[in-house]
Amino acid sequence: MTYENLIAVTAILVYTLIIVLITYFSAKKENYGDFIIASKNLGWKSLGFSLFASFISAYTIIVGISFSYLFGI
């Protein structure tokens, strides 16, 4: 097995493991409310930052900067 094949097989195994773990831990959620507000175990700051990070992505920031540059805002 060549070095490139070893890297590819390792990457596939790692991605498969991550998908299995995500599936296992996400199955523990009972309803939509548990998923959104973490069963009310998060404080308001953590929940606010999490929602902000979900709505404002890097793509949004880059597009905003490029529009500002293109249109001279």
C-alpha atoms as a PDB file:
ATOM      1  CA  MET A   1       0.000   0.000   0.000  1.00  0.00           C
ATOM      2  CA  THR A   2       1.414   3.357  -0.987  1.00  0.00           C
ATOM      3  CA  TYR A   3       1.609   6.370   1.256  1.00  0.00           C
ATOM      4  CA  GLU A   4      -1.208   8.185  -0.590  1.00  0.00           C
ATOM      5  CA  ASN A   5      -3.512   5.182  -0.247  1.00  0.00           C
ATOM      6  CA  LEU A   6      -2.740   4.965   3.460  1.00  0.00           C
ATOM      7  CA  ILE A   7      -3.685   8.620   3.913  1.00  0.00           C
ATOM      8  CA  ALA A   8      -6.924   8.143   1.959  1.00  0.00           C
ATOM      9  CA  VAL A   9      -7.921   5.054   3.955  1.00  0.00           C
ATOM     10  CA  THR A  10      -7.121   6.798   7.234  1.00  0.00           C
ATOM     11  CA  ALA A  11      -9.176   9.850   6.245  1.00  0.00           C
ATOM     12  CA  ILE A  12     -12.140   7.663   5.290  1.00  0.00           C
ATOM     13  CA  LEU A  13     -11.942   5.802   8.603  1.00  0.00           C
ATOM     14  CA  VAL A  14     -11.774   9.047  10.595  1.00  0.00           C
ATOM     15  CA  TYR A  15     -14.758  10.541   8.739  1.00  0.00           C
ATOM     16  CA  THR A  16     -16.723   7.335   9.245  1.00  0.00           C
ATOM     17  CA  LEU A  17     -15.944   7.366  12.962  1.00  0.00           C
ATOM     18  CA  ILE A  18     -17.051  10.999  13.241  1.00  0.00           C
ATOM     19  CA  ILE A  19     -20.339  10.257  11.465  1.00  0.00           C
ATOM     20  CA  VAL A  20     -20.988   7.265  13.727  1.00  0.00           C
ATOM     21  CA  LEU A  21     -20.312   9.337  16.863  1.00  0.00           C
ATOM     22  CA  ILE A  22     -22.527  12.189  15.688  1.00  0.00           C
ATOM     23  CA  THR A  23     -25.315   9.750  14.902  1.00  0.00           C
ATOM     24  CA  TYR A  24     -24.979   8.056  18.292  1.00  0.00           C
ATOM     25  CA  PHE A  25     -24.998  11.251  20.336  1.00  0.00           C
ATOM     26  CA  SER A  26     -27.717  12.962  18.299  1.00  0.00           C
ATOM     27  CA  ALA A  27     -30.057  10.003  18.844  1.00  0.00           C
ATOM     28  CA  LYS A  28     -30.142  10.846  22.560  1.00  0.00           C
ATOM     29  CA  LYS A  29     -32.112  14.039  21.942  1.00  0.00           C
ATOM     30  CA  GLU A  30     -35.767  13.527  22.739  1.00  0.00           C
ATOM     31  CA  ASN A  31     -37.377  16.447  20.939  1.00  0.00           C
ATOM     32  CA  TYR A  32     -36.677  19.619  19.006  1.00  0.00           C
ATOM     33  CA  GLY A  33     -36.559  21.741  22.161  1.00  0.00           C
ATOM     34  CA  ASP A  34     -33.785  19.610  23.599  1.00  0.00           C
ATOM     35  CA  PHE A  35     -31.768  20.204  20.464  1.00  0.00           C
ATOM     36  CA  ILE A  36     -32.329  23.958  20.185  1.00  0.00           C
ATOM     37  CA  ILE A  37     -31.876  25.048  23.802  1.00  0.00           C
ATOM     38  CA  ALA A  38     -29.777  22.120  25.075  1.00  0.00           C
ATOM     39  CA  SER A  39     -32.443  21.041  27.591  1.00  0.00           C
ATOM     40  CA  LYS A  40     -32.178  24.481  29.234  1.00  0.00           C
ATOM     41  CA  ASN A  41     -28.657  23.719  30.454  1.00  0.00           C
ATOM     42  CA  LEU A  42     -27.036  26.644  28.624  1.00  0.00           C
ATOM     43  CA  GLY A  43     -26.852  30.148  29.985  1.00  0.00           C
ATOM     44  CA  TRP A  44     -28.166  33.074  27.989  1.00  0.00           C
ATOM     45  CA  LYS A  45     -24.674  34.155  26.915  1.00  0.00           C
ATOM     46  CA  SER A  46     -23.754  30.742  25.539  1.00  0.00           C
ATOM     47  CA  LEU A  47     -27.081  30.403  23.781  1.00  0.00           C
ATOM     48  CA  GLY A  48     -26.809  33.901  22.309  1.00  0.00           C
ATOM     49  CA  PHE A  49     -23.288  33.352  20.986  1.00  0.00           C
ATOM     50  CA  SER A  50     -24.315  30.009  19.544  1.00  0.00           C
ATOM     51  CA  LEU A  51     -27.260  31.537  17.681  1.00  0.00           C
ATOM     52  CA  PHE A  52     -25.102  34.431  16.478  1.00  0.00           C
ATOM     53  CA  ALA A  53     -22.470  32.017  15.141  1.00  0.00           C
ATOM     54  CA  SER A  54     -25.174  29.984  13.419  1.00  0.00           C
ATOM     55  CA  PHE A  55     -26.684  32.965  11.625  1.00  0.00           C
ATOM     56  CA  ILE A  56     -23.516  34.891  10.828  1.00  0.00           C
ATOM     57  CA  SER A  57     -21.137  32.722   8.861  1.00  0.00           C
ATOM     58  CA  ALA A  58     -17.795  33.483   7.267  1.00  0.00           C
ATOM     59  CA  TYR A  59     -19.509  33.584   3.889  1.00  0.00           C
ATOM     60  CA  THR A  60     -21.814  36.360   5.085  1.00  0.00           C
ATOM     61  CA  ILE A  61     -18.884  38.408   6.330  1.00  0.00           C
ATOM     62  CA  ILE A  62     -16.860  37.950   3.134  1.00  0.00           C
ATOM     63  CA  VAL A  63     -19.820  38.832   0.910  1.00  0.00           C
ATOM     64  CA  GLY A  64     -20.533  41.919   3.015  1.00  0.00           C
ATOM     65  CA  ILE A  65     -16.945  43.111   2.681  1.00  0.00           C
ATOM     66  CA  SER A  66     -16.868  42.433  -1.063  1.00  0.00           C
ATOM     67  CA  PHE A  67     -20.152  44.319  -1.603  1.00  0.00           C
ATOM     68  CA  SER A  68     -18.777  47.227   0.392  1.00  0.00           C
ATOM     69  CA  TYR A  69     -15.674  47.260  -1.788  1.00  0.00           C
ATOM     70  CA  LEU A  70     -17.573  46.883  -5.086  1.00  0.00           C
ATOM     71  CA  PHE A  71     -20.244  49.488  -4.400  1.00  0.00           C
ATOM     72  CA  GLY A  72     -18.163  51.897  -2.341  1.00  0.00           C
ATOM     73  CA  ILE A  73     -20.217  51.761   0.817  1.00  0.00           C
END
